[in-house]
Amino acid sequence: MKSEINCAQTNLQLFNQLYFLNYSEDNCQRVAQAYELATSLFTAQFRSSGKTFISHLVGTASILANLSVSVDLVIAGLLH
């Protein structure tokens, strides 16, 4: 039986996920700041699938958050 992990694709989905996973308000603010940086670094970049590159970055951060890793690792996923 295959289990599915819900993976955020937008910043709002990621922020809601972090809230429900009990990341602190300060940590959520740090992720929001990292998201702002990512949007400036990767503006108008797309994956070969046609999805925005930022969706890939948010998805990576979301998977890491689901694993209950430190906020530093979630931010690293967001900026990789």
C-alpha atoms as a PDB file:
ATOM      1  CA  MET A   1       0.000   0.000   0.000  1.00  0.00           C
ATOM      2  CA  LYS A   2       1.431   3.339  -1.070  1.00  0.00           C
ATOM      3  CA  SER A   3       1.139   6.266   1.326  1.00  0.00           C
ATOM      4  CA  GLU A   4       0.875   9.758  -0.068  1.00  0.00           C
ATOM      5  CA  ILE A   5       2.403  12.870   1.406  1.00  0.00           C
ATOM      6  CA  ASN A   6       0.576  16.115   0.820  1.00  0.00           C
ATOM      7  CA  CYS A   7       3.127  18.518  -0.522  1.00  0.00           C
ATOM      8  CA  ALA A   8       2.664  22.298  -0.522  1.00  0.00           C
ATOM      9  CA  GLN A   9       3.137  24.050  -3.854  1.00  0.00           C
ATOM     10  CA  THR A  10       2.411  27.616  -2.796  1.00  0.00           C
ATOM     11  CA  ASN A  11       3.728  29.826  -0.033  1.00  0.00           C
ATOM     12  CA  LEU A  12       0.324  29.937   1.679  1.00  0.00           C
ATOM     13  CA  GLN A  13       0.087  26.150   1.689  1.00  0.00           C
ATOM     14  CA  LEU A  14       3.584  25.938   3.147  1.00  0.00           C
ATOM     15  CA  PHE A  15       2.863  28.507   5.869  1.00  0.00           C
ATOM     16  CA  ASN A  16      -0.362  26.697   6.822  1.00  0.00           C
ATOM     17  CA  GLN A  17       1.518  23.414   6.914  1.00  0.00           C
ATOM     18  CA  LEU A  18       4.199  24.853   9.205  1.00  0.00           C
ATOM     19  CA  TYR A  19       1.485  26.202  11.503  1.00  0.00           C
ATOM     20  CA  PHE A  20      -0.264  22.835  11.725  1.00  0.00           C
ATOM     21  CA  LEU A  21       3.062  21.082  12.298  1.00  0.00           C
ATOM     22  CA  ASN A  22       3.628  23.387  15.297  1.00  0.00           C
ATOM     23  CA  TYR A  23       6.629  25.290  13.998  1.00  0.00           C
ATOM     24  CA  SER A  24       7.004  28.409  16.154  1.00  0.00           C
ATOM     25  CA  GLU A  25       5.877  31.831  14.975  1.00  0.00           C
ATOM     26  CA  ASP A  26       9.513  32.966  14.869  1.00  0.00           C
ATOM     27  CA  ASN A  27      10.452  29.985  12.702  1.00  0.00           C
ATOM     28  CA  CYS A  28       7.510  30.630  10.389  1.00  0.00           C
ATOM     29  CA  GLN A  29       8.701  34.230  10.051  1.00  0.00           C
ATOM     30  CA  ARG A  30      12.175  33.003   9.108  1.00  0.00           C
ATOM     31  CA  VAL A  31      10.664  30.769   6.418  1.00  0.00           C
ATOM     32  CA  ALA A  32       8.623  33.720   5.127  1.00  0.00           C
ATOM     33  CA  GLN A  33      11.803  35.804   4.853  1.00  0.00           C
ATOM     34  CA  ALA A  34      13.542  32.970   3.021  1.00  0.00           C
ATOM     35  CA  TYR A  35      10.554  32.703   0.662  1.00  0.00           C
ATOM     36  CA  GLU A  36      10.856  36.416  -0.143  1.00  0.00           C
ATOM     37  CA  LEU A  37      14.534  35.896  -0.955  1.00  0.00           C
ATOM     38  CA  ALA A  38      13.725  32.861  -3.127  1.00  0.00           C
ATOM     39  CA  THR A  39      11.148  34.823  -5.129  1.00  0.00           C
ATOM     40  CA  SER A  40      13.712  37.504  -5.882  1.00  0.00           C
ATOM     41  CA  LEU A  41      16.384  34.951  -6.829  1.00  0.00           C
ATOM     42  CA  PHE A  42      14.178  32.755  -9.020  1.00  0.00           C
ATOM     43  CA  THR A  43      11.724  35.191 -10.636  1.00  0.00           C
ATOM     44  CA  ALA A  44      10.387  34.004 -14.017  1.00  0.00           C
ATOM     45  CA  GLN A  45      12.246  30.682 -13.902  1.00  0.00           C
ATOM     46  CA  PHE A  46      10.399  27.547 -14.905  1.00  0.00           C
ATOM     47  CA  ARG A  47      10.958  23.794 -14.695  1.00  0.00           C
ATOM     48  CA  SER A  48      10.859  21.707 -17.875  1.00  0.00           C
ATOM     49  CA  SER A  49       7.327  20.655 -16.836  1.00  0.00           C
ATOM     50  CA  GLY A  50       6.208  24.280 -17.134  1.00  0.00           C
ATOM     51  CA  LYS A  51       5.758  24.738 -13.377  1.00  0.00           C
ATOM     52  CA  THR A  52       7.469  27.655 -11.729  1.00  0.00           C
ATOM     53  CA  PHE A  53      10.794  26.917 -10.092  1.00  0.00           C
ATOM     54  CA  ILE A  54       9.527  28.448  -6.854  1.00  0.00           C
ATOM     55  CA  SER A  55       6.868  25.687  -6.707  1.00  0.00           C
ATOM     56  CA  HIS A  56       9.680  23.137  -6.748  1.00  0.00           C
ATOM     57  CA  LEU A  57      11.461  24.954  -3.930  1.00  0.00           C
ATOM     58  CA  VAL A  58       8.290  25.223  -1.842  1.00  0.00           C
ATOM     59  CA  GLY A  59       7.579  21.536  -2.444  1.00  0.00           C
ATOM     60  CA  THR A  60      11.053  20.592  -1.256  1.00  0.00           C
ATOM     61  CA  ALA A  61      10.637  22.679   1.899  1.00  0.00           C
ATOM     62  CA  SER A  62       7.212  21.103   2.439  1.00  0.00           C
ATOM     63  CA  ILE A  63       8.576  17.562   2.258  1.00  0.00           C
ATOM     64  CA  LEU A  64      11.285  18.462   4.737  1.00  0.00           C
ATOM     65  CA  ALA A  65       8.739  20.040   7.102  1.00  0.00           C
ATOM     66  CA  ASN A  66       6.671  16.827   6.938  1.00  0.00           C
ATOM     67  CA  LEU A  67       9.770  15.036   8.217  1.00  0.00           C
ATOM     68  CA  SER A  68       9.821  17.385  11.247  1.00  0.00           C
ATOM     69  CA  VAL A  69      13.336  18.609  10.558  1.00  0.00           C
ATOM     70  CA  SER A  70      14.793  21.836  11.944  1.00  0.00           C
ATOM     71  CA  VAL A  71      13.652  25.109  10.456  1.00  0.00           C
ATOM     72  CA  ASP A  72      17.200  25.639   9.177  1.00  0.00           C
ATOM     73  CA  LEU A  73      16.851  22.543   7.001  1.00  0.00           C
ATOM     74  CA  VAL A  74      13.411  23.650   5.774  1.00  0.00           C
ATOM     75  CA  ILE A  75      14.944  26.992   4.773  1.00  0.00           C
ATOM     76  CA  ALA A  76      17.838  25.205   3.067  1.00  0.00           C
ATOM     77  CA  GLY A  77      15.302  23.206   1.046  1.00  0.00           C
ATOM     78  CA  LEU A  78      13.512  26.415   0.143  1.00  0.00           C
ATOM     79  CA  LEU A  79      16.700  28.032  -1.120  1.00  0.00           C
ATOM     80  CA  HIS A  80      18.491  25.091  -2.701  1.00  0.00           C
END
